[in-house]
Amino acid sequence: MKLQSTQIAAGQTKLQQLVHSITEAIAKGELKAGDPLPSVNQLSSESGFSRDTVFKAYNILKQRSIVESAPTKGYFVANESYRVFVLLDDFSAFKEQLYQALRQNLPESYSVDLLFHHYNRDVFAQLIESSLGRYSMYVVMNIDHQSMDPILHKIDANKLLLLDMGKPDNDKVNYLLQDFGESVVKCLEEGVGRLSKYKELVLIYSEKDTPHPVEVVPAIQSFCKKHSIQFSRVSRFNPSQLESGQAYFVIRDADLVEVIKSCRANQLELGKQVGIISYNDTPMKQIVGGGITVISTNFEEMGQEVATFVQHKHKVGKVLSTSLILRDSL
């Protein structure tokens, strides 16, 4: 096993480098299930690493079920499996759709570790750092829409897929992203026939309460100006300001619930006296109140695309389509 042929991520310890080298060789097919590995003494002599470092590396790989050992056989590659690191922003119904589609489209030999960073930069960095050299592929929802977090450069670009939002800073980075500006305008234009019956479009959006990209604000504002619809933006929904003739554009499901509850409490008919557009589709939105109109990407399709990348490792750079799904709430 030639360690020199394996790309090492910058900033790793000698132990991490050795673990990374062996897992990379397995992921690339240079080592296959059942193949013998050098003895501790042999690998120490060939690599220049101490016997203690080699022994610790083998133990780590045994704990991860990547390497096995037997008294007369020494160390050898365990039964073939592929480990996929999936780091999402937070848990929600549409993220579950994405994950289920990913899992259903991967062979059983692929194991998927699902983690969440909740937009905490320290947690994000720690999870990425501790994952290095442990996985064959990495799928990461970035923590920022405007740029790619520098720590992601520690991951081999061929093994990394940037998901949902972020701005790749070079053409080597694979990505499946959403557009949060022009696509929103396009969707609103498709629903202008229904929206035009409302005198005001109210966007409930706070940069503090949601990481949703701020591009949505000027997008909706420009649409309203073009069609002479009054536009207003509020950080929180205020039930006392609810009145007939308003349409609400909601990002968070918590705000969606509050608007629906207030409509019922004030006996305002949803879809006629008050309209609602919600961001990101879920199975529940298909049935609540006769159905909630949504602007959404297809998260099942996103999961399928991720599975294809993970299995075939083909270069991918794609902005996923966003659609307007009209239902009774508008």
Protein backbone atom coordinates (compact mmCIF):
# COMPACT_ATOMS: atom_id res chain seq x y z
CA MET A 1 0.00 0.00 0.00
CA LYS A 2 1.58 3.22 -1.16
CA LEU A 3 0.71 6.10 1.10
CA GLN A 4 2.31 8.58 -1.29
CA SER A 5 -0.44 7.97 -3.86
CA THR A 6 -3.17 9.07 -1.47
CA GLN A 7 -4.23 12.70 -1.17
CA ILE A 8 -3.92 13.87 2.43
CA ALA A 9 -6.09 16.64 3.83
CA ALA A 10 -4.09 19.54 5.22
CA GLY A 11 -3.79 19.94 8.96
CA GLN A 12 -4.16 16.28 9.88
CA THR A 13 -2.08 14.51 12.54
CA LYS A 14 0.09 11.55 11.55
CA LEU A 15 -2.52 9.20 13.00
CA GLN A 16 -5.31 10.86 11.00
CA GLN A 17 -3.16 10.74 7.86
CA LEU A 18 -2.59 7.03 8.19
CA VAL A 19 -6.27 6.28 8.84
CA HIS A 20 -7.19 8.52 5.91
CA SER A 21 -4.70 6.77 3.62
CA ILE A 22 -6.12 3.32 4.29
CA THR A 23 -9.78 4.38 4.00
CA GLU A 24 -8.98 6.22 0.75
CA ALA A 25 -7.28 3.15 -0.69
CA ILE A 26 -10.38 1.10 0.12
CA ALA A 27 -12.77 3.74 -1.28
CA LYS A 28 -10.79 3.91 -4.54
CA GLY A 29 -10.74 0.13 -4.93
CA GLU A 30 -6.98 -0.14 -4.42
CA LEU A 31 -7.77 -2.39 -1.45
CA LYS A 32 -10.74 -4.76 -1.55
CA ALA A 33 -12.65 -6.84 0.99
CA GLY A 34 -10.43 -9.62 2.31
CA ASP A 35 -7.15 -8.09 1.12
CA PRO A 36 -4.32 -8.45 3.65
CA LEU A 37 -2.76 -5.34 5.16
CA PRO A 38 0.91 -4.94 6.08
CA SER A 39 1.92 -5.93 9.58
CA VAL A 40 2.50 -3.19 12.12
CA ASN A 41 6.28 -3.52 11.73
CA GLN A 42 6.14 -3.58 7.92
CA LEU A 43 3.84 -0.56 7.62
CA SER A 44 5.91 1.35 10.17
CA SER A 45 9.07 0.66 8.14
CA GLU A 46 7.45 1.53 4.77
CA SER A 47 5.65 4.67 5.90
CA GLY A 48 8.04 6.13 8.42
CA PHE A 49 5.29 6.27 11.06
CA SER A 50 6.03 4.85 14.50
CA ARG A 51 4.78 1.38 15.45
CA ASP A 52 2.53 3.00 18.05
CA THR A 53 0.89 5.23 15.40
CA VAL A 54 0.31 2.27 13.07
CA PHE A 55 -1.13 0.17 15.89
CA LYS A 56 -3.50 2.98 16.93
CA ALA A 57 -4.58 3.50 13.30
CA TYR A 58 -5.43 -0.19 12.91
CA ASN A 59 -7.40 -0.12 16.16
CA ILE A 60 -9.40 2.91 14.99
CA LEU A 61 -10.18 1.17 11.70
CA LYS A 62 -11.23 -1.98 13.57
CA GLN A 63 -13.61 0.08 15.74
CA ARG A 64 -15.15 1.47 12.54
CA SER A 65 -15.52 -2.07 11.10
CA ILE A 66 -13.26 -1.15 8.19
CA VAL A 67 -10.43 -3.49 9.19
CA GLU A 68 -10.52 -6.91 10.89
CA SER A 69 -7.77 -9.01 12.45
CA ALA A 70 -7.17 -12.68 13.22
CA PRO A 71 -4.33 -14.39 15.14
CA THR A 72 -2.96 -16.27 12.12
CA LYS A 73 -4.12 -13.89 9.41
CA GLY A 74 -3.00 -10.52 10.72
CA TYR A 75 -4.89 -7.43 9.58
CA PHE A 76 -7.15 -7.42 6.52
CA VAL A 77 -9.89 -5.33 4.91
CA ALA A 78 -13.34 -6.11 6.33
CA ASN A 79 -16.38 -6.90 4.22
CA GLU A 80 -16.97 -4.16 1.70
CA SER A 81 -19.06 -1.22 2.86
CA TYR A 82 -19.25 2.48 2.05
CA ARG A 83 -19.73 5.12 4.71
CA VAL A 84 -21.46 8.36 3.78
CA PHE A 85 -21.30 11.49 5.92
CA VAL A 86 -24.48 13.59 5.64
CA LEU A 87 -24.52 16.90 7.50
CA LEU A 88 -27.80 18.83 7.27
CA ASP A 89 -28.76 22.16 8.81
CA ASP A 90 -31.69 20.98 10.94
CA PHE A 91 -34.46 18.41 11.08
CA SER A 92 -37.74 19.10 9.28
CA ALA A 93 -40.36 17.21 7.32
CA PHE A 94 -38.82 18.05 3.93
CA LYS A 95 -35.32 17.12 5.14
CA GLU A 96 -36.77 13.75 6.12
CA GLN A 97 -38.07 13.38 2.55
CA LEU A 98 -34.58 14.11 1.26
CA TYR A 99 -32.95 11.59 3.61
CA GLN A 100 -35.48 8.84 2.89
CA ALA A 101 -35.04 9.28 -0.87
CA LEU A 102 -31.25 9.12 -0.42
CA ARG A 103 -31.44 5.99 1.71
CA GLN A 104 -33.91 4.23 -0.61
CA ASN A 105 -31.70 4.85 -3.63
CA LEU A 106 -28.48 3.53 -2.07
CA PRO A 107 -27.51 -0.15 -1.86
CA GLU A 108 -27.68 -1.75 1.59
CA SER A 109 -23.87 -1.93 1.67
CA TYR A 110 -23.80 1.88 2.05
CA SER A 111 -24.10 3.16 5.61
CA VAL A 112 -25.22 6.75 6.13
CA ASP A 113 -24.38 8.81 9.21
CA LEU A 114 -26.86 11.68 9.49
CA LEU A 115 -25.92 14.72 11.61
CA PHE A 116 -27.20 18.29 12.07
CA HIS A 117 -25.30 21.54 12.68
CA HIS A 118 -28.29 23.83 13.48
CA TYR A 119 -26.35 26.78 12.03
CA ASN A 120 -23.88 26.70 14.92
CA ARG A 121 -20.45 27.42 13.44
CA ASP A 122 -18.54 25.71 16.25
CA VAL A 123 -20.64 22.57 15.92
CA PHE A 124 -20.28 22.70 12.13
CA ALA A 125 -16.48 22.92 12.36
CA GLN A 126 -16.22 20.20 14.99
CA LEU A 127 -18.37 17.76 13.03
CA ILE A 128 -16.39 18.33 9.83
CA GLU A 129 -13.04 18.07 11.62
CA SER A 130 -13.94 14.81 13.37
CA SER A 131 -15.27 13.28 10.14
CA LEU A 132 -12.05 13.68 8.14
CA GLY A 133 -10.67 10.39 6.88
CA ARG A 134 -13.64 8.41 8.18
CA TYR A 135 -15.96 8.44 5.16
CA SER A 136 -15.91 7.59 1.49
CA MET A 137 -18.27 10.47 0.56
CA TYR A 138 -19.43 13.73 2.16
CA VAL A 139 -22.78 15.51 1.66
CA VAL A 140 -22.95 18.86 3.46
CA MET A 141 -25.59 21.56 3.75
CA ASN A 142 -23.48 24.68 4.04
CA ILE A 143 -23.87 27.06 6.97
CA ASP A 144 -23.89 30.22 4.83
CA HIS A 145 -25.69 31.07 1.60
CA GLN A 146 -23.14 33.62 0.40
CA SER A 147 -19.92 31.63 0.66
CA MET A 148 -18.42 28.20 1.18
CA ASP A 149 -17.09 27.61 4.69
CA PRO A 150 -13.26 27.34 4.56
CA ILE A 151 -13.17 24.15 6.65
CA LEU A 152 -14.83 22.30 3.76
CA HIS A 153 -11.56 22.61 1.83
CA LYS A 154 -10.13 19.97 4.16
CA ILE A 155 -12.37 17.44 2.38
CA ASP A 156 -11.27 16.04 -0.97
CA ALA A 157 -13.34 18.02 -3.52
CA ASN A 158 -14.07 14.84 -5.48
CA LYS A 159 -15.77 13.35 -2.43
CA LEU A 160 -17.72 16.45 -1.36
CA LEU A 161 -21.23 17.51 -2.42
CA LEU A 162 -22.41 20.97 -1.33
CA LEU A 163 -26.15 20.80 -0.83
CA ASP A 164 -29.11 23.20 -0.88
CA MET A 165 -27.35 26.54 -0.39
CA GLY A 166 -23.91 28.08 -0.56
CA LYS A 167 -21.62 29.53 -3.18
CA PRO A 168 -18.80 27.25 -4.41
CA ASP A 169 -15.56 29.22 -4.63
CA ASN A 170 -14.01 27.05 -7.36
CA ASP A 171 -15.14 24.82 -10.20
CA LYS A 172 -13.89 21.66 -8.48
CA VAL A 173 -16.68 21.69 -5.90
CA ASN A 174 -19.73 19.53 -6.60
CA TYR A 175 -23.07 21.11 -5.76
CA LEU A 176 -26.86 20.71 -5.83
CA LEU A 177 -28.29 24.08 -4.89
CA GLN A 178 -31.52 26.07 -4.84
CA ASP A 179 -32.09 29.53 -6.27
CA PHE A 180 -33.85 31.82 -3.79
CA GLY A 181 -34.28 34.92 -5.95
CA GLU A 182 -35.27 34.68 -9.61
CA SER A 183 -36.99 31.33 -9.10
CA VAL A 184 -39.30 32.89 -6.49
CA VAL A 185 -40.29 35.63 -8.95
CA LYS A 186 -40.93 33.00 -11.65
CA CYS A 187 -43.19 31.03 -9.32
CA LEU A 188 -45.12 34.12 -8.23
CA GLU A 189 -45.66 35.07 -11.88
CA GLU A 190 -47.21 31.65 -12.44
CA GLY A 191 -49.67 32.37 -9.63
CA VAL A 192 -50.37 36.00 -10.47
CA GLY A 193 -53.94 35.17 -11.49
CA ARG A 194 -54.77 34.13 -7.95
CA LEU A 195 -52.55 36.65 -6.18
CA SER A 196 -54.01 39.64 -8.01
CA LYS A 197 -57.30 39.32 -6.13
CA TYR A 198 -55.54 40.28 -2.89
CA LYS A 199 -54.78 43.90 -2.10
CA GLU A 200 -51.68 43.16 0.00
CA LEU A 201 -48.94 40.53 0.11
CA VAL A 202 -47.39 40.21 3.58
CA LEU A 203 -44.02 38.49 3.91
CA ILE A 204 -43.32 37.10 7.38
CA TYR A 205 -39.54 36.99 7.50
CA SER A 206 -36.83 37.72 10.04
CA GLU A 207 -33.15 37.15 9.36
CA LYS A 208 -32.70 36.46 13.08
CA ASP A 209 -35.35 33.75 13.22
CA THR A 210 -34.54 31.87 10.04
CA PRO A 211 -31.40 31.22 7.97
CA HIS A 212 -33.50 31.44 4.80
CA PRO A 213 -31.54 33.57 2.27
CA VAL A 214 -32.48 37.24 2.29
CA GLU A 215 -32.76 37.26 -1.54
CA VAL A 216 -36.41 36.32 -1.08
CA VAL A 217 -37.24 39.85 0.16
CA PRO A 218 -36.32 41.92 -2.95
CA ALA A 219 -37.69 39.11 -5.15
CA ILE A 220 -41.19 39.36 -3.66
CA GLN A 221 -40.95 43.14 -3.44
CA SER A 222 -40.16 43.48 -7.17
CA PHE A 223 -43.05 41.18 -8.10
CA CYS A 224 -45.51 43.22 -6.03
CA LYS A 225 -44.28 46.49 -7.54
CA LYS A 226 -44.70 45.15 -11.08
CA HIS A 227 -48.29 44.07 -10.43
CA SER A 228 -49.32 47.00 -8.19
CA ILE A 229 -49.86 44.78 -5.15
CA GLN A 230 -49.13 46.40 -1.79
CA PHE A 231 -46.11 44.76 -0.15
CA SER A 232 -45.22 44.66 3.52
CA ARG A 233 -42.71 42.69 5.55
CA VAL A 234 -43.09 41.77 9.22
CA SER A 235 -40.74 39.86 11.49
CA ARG A 236 -43.52 38.19 13.44
CA PHE A 237 -47.16 37.50 12.69
CA ASN A 238 -49.53 39.79 14.60
CA PRO A 239 -53.09 38.36 14.77
CA SER A 240 -54.53 41.81 15.41
CA GLN A 241 -53.33 42.96 11.95
CA LEU A 242 -54.99 40.09 10.09
CA GLU A 243 -57.73 41.25 7.74
CA SER A 244 -59.60 40.18 4.65
CA GLY A 245 -57.81 40.89 1.38
CA GLN A 246 -54.36 39.90 2.60
CA ALA A 247 -52.13 37.12 1.26
CA TYR A 248 -49.33 35.85 3.49
CA PHE A 249 -45.99 34.48 2.31
CA VAL A 250 -44.55 32.39 5.16
CA ILE A 251 -41.10 30.78 5.47
CA ARG A 252 -41.41 29.07 8.85
CA ASP A 253 -44.02 26.41 9.54
CA ALA A 254 -44.58 27.96 12.99
CA ASP A 255 -45.83 31.16 11.28
CA LEU A 256 -47.99 29.11 8.92
CA VAL A 257 -49.76 27.52 11.89
CA GLU A 258 -50.38 30.90 13.52
CA VAL A 259 -51.92 32.40 10.35
CA ILE A 260 -54.24 29.42 9.87
CA LYS A 261 -55.32 29.50 13.53
CA SER A 262 -56.07 33.23 13.34
CA CYS A 263 -58.09 32.81 10.15
CA ARG A 264 -60.24 30.21 11.85
CA ALA A 265 -60.61 32.29 15.01
CA ASN A 266 -61.75 35.30 12.94
CA GLN A 267 -63.93 33.20 10.61
CA LEU A 268 -61.94 34.29 7.54
CA GLU A 269 -62.06 31.76 4.73
CA LEU A 270 -58.65 30.54 3.67
CA GLY A 271 -58.05 30.90 -0.05
CA LYS A 272 -60.80 33.48 -0.54
CA GLN A 273 -60.62 36.18 2.11
CA VAL A 274 -57.03 35.42 3.17
CA GLY A 275 -54.40 33.71 1.05
CA ILE A 276 -51.30 31.75 2.06
CA ILE A 277 -48.13 30.74 0.23
CA SER A 278 -45.67 28.62 2.19
CA TYR A 279 -42.04 27.80 1.41
CA ASN A 280 -40.97 24.13 1.12
CA ASP A 281 -43.54 21.42 0.55
CA THR A 282 -44.33 18.65 3.04
CA PRO A 283 -46.94 15.86 3.02
CA MET A 284 -48.93 17.70 5.71
CA LYS A 285 -49.24 20.84 3.55
CA GLN A 286 -50.94 18.76 0.89
CA ILE A 287 -53.97 18.18 3.12
CA VAL A 288 -54.18 20.95 5.77
CA GLY A 289 -57.02 23.37 5.06
CA GLY A 290 -57.71 21.77 1.71
CA GLY A 291 -54.05 22.12 0.81
CA ILE A 292 -51.44 24.86 1.27
CA THR A 293 -49.99 26.52 -1.83
CA VAL A 294 -46.21 26.16 -1.78
CA ILE A 295 -43.07 27.29 -3.55
CA SER A 296 -40.67 24.40 -3.26
CA THR A 297 -37.94 22.33 -4.78
CA ASN A 298 -38.53 18.59 -5.01
CA PHE A 299 -36.70 17.15 -2.02
CA GLU A 300 -37.26 13.56 -3.12
CA GLU A 301 -35.54 14.44 -6.40
CA MET A 302 -32.74 16.08 -4.42
CA GLY A 303 -32.26 12.89 -2.41
CA GLN A 304 -32.17 10.81 -5.60
CA GLU A 305 -29.56 13.14 -7.12
CA VAL A 306 -27.44 12.84 -3.97
CA ALA A 307 -27.64 9.03 -4.14
CA THR A 308 -26.49 9.09 -7.76
CA PHE A 309 -23.49 11.26 -6.88
CA VAL A 310 -22.55 9.10 -3.90
CA GLN A 311 -22.62 5.88 -5.94
CA HIS A 312 -21.07 7.01 -9.20
CA LYS A 313 -18.91 9.97 -8.05
CA HIS A 314 -19.66 11.85 -11.26
CA LYS A 315 -18.99 15.58 -11.35
CA VAL A 316 -22.20 17.49 -10.63
CA GLY A 317 -22.99 21.20 -10.62
CA LYS A 318 -26.69 21.87 -10.70
CA VAL A 319 -29.25 24.42 -9.52
CA LEU A 320 -32.43 22.47 -8.86
CA SER A 321 -35.71 23.74 -10.23
CA THR A 322 -38.22 25.42 -7.92
CA SER A 323 -41.96 25.06 -8.56
CA LEU A 324 -45.22 26.68 -7.57
CA ILE A 325 -47.79 24.10 -6.42
CA LEU A 326 -51.22 25.73 -6.33
CA ARG A 327 -53.67 24.50 -3.70
CA ASP A 328 -56.78 25.83 -1.97
CA SER A 329 -54.98 28.27 0.36
CA LEU A 330 -54.52 30.75 -2.49
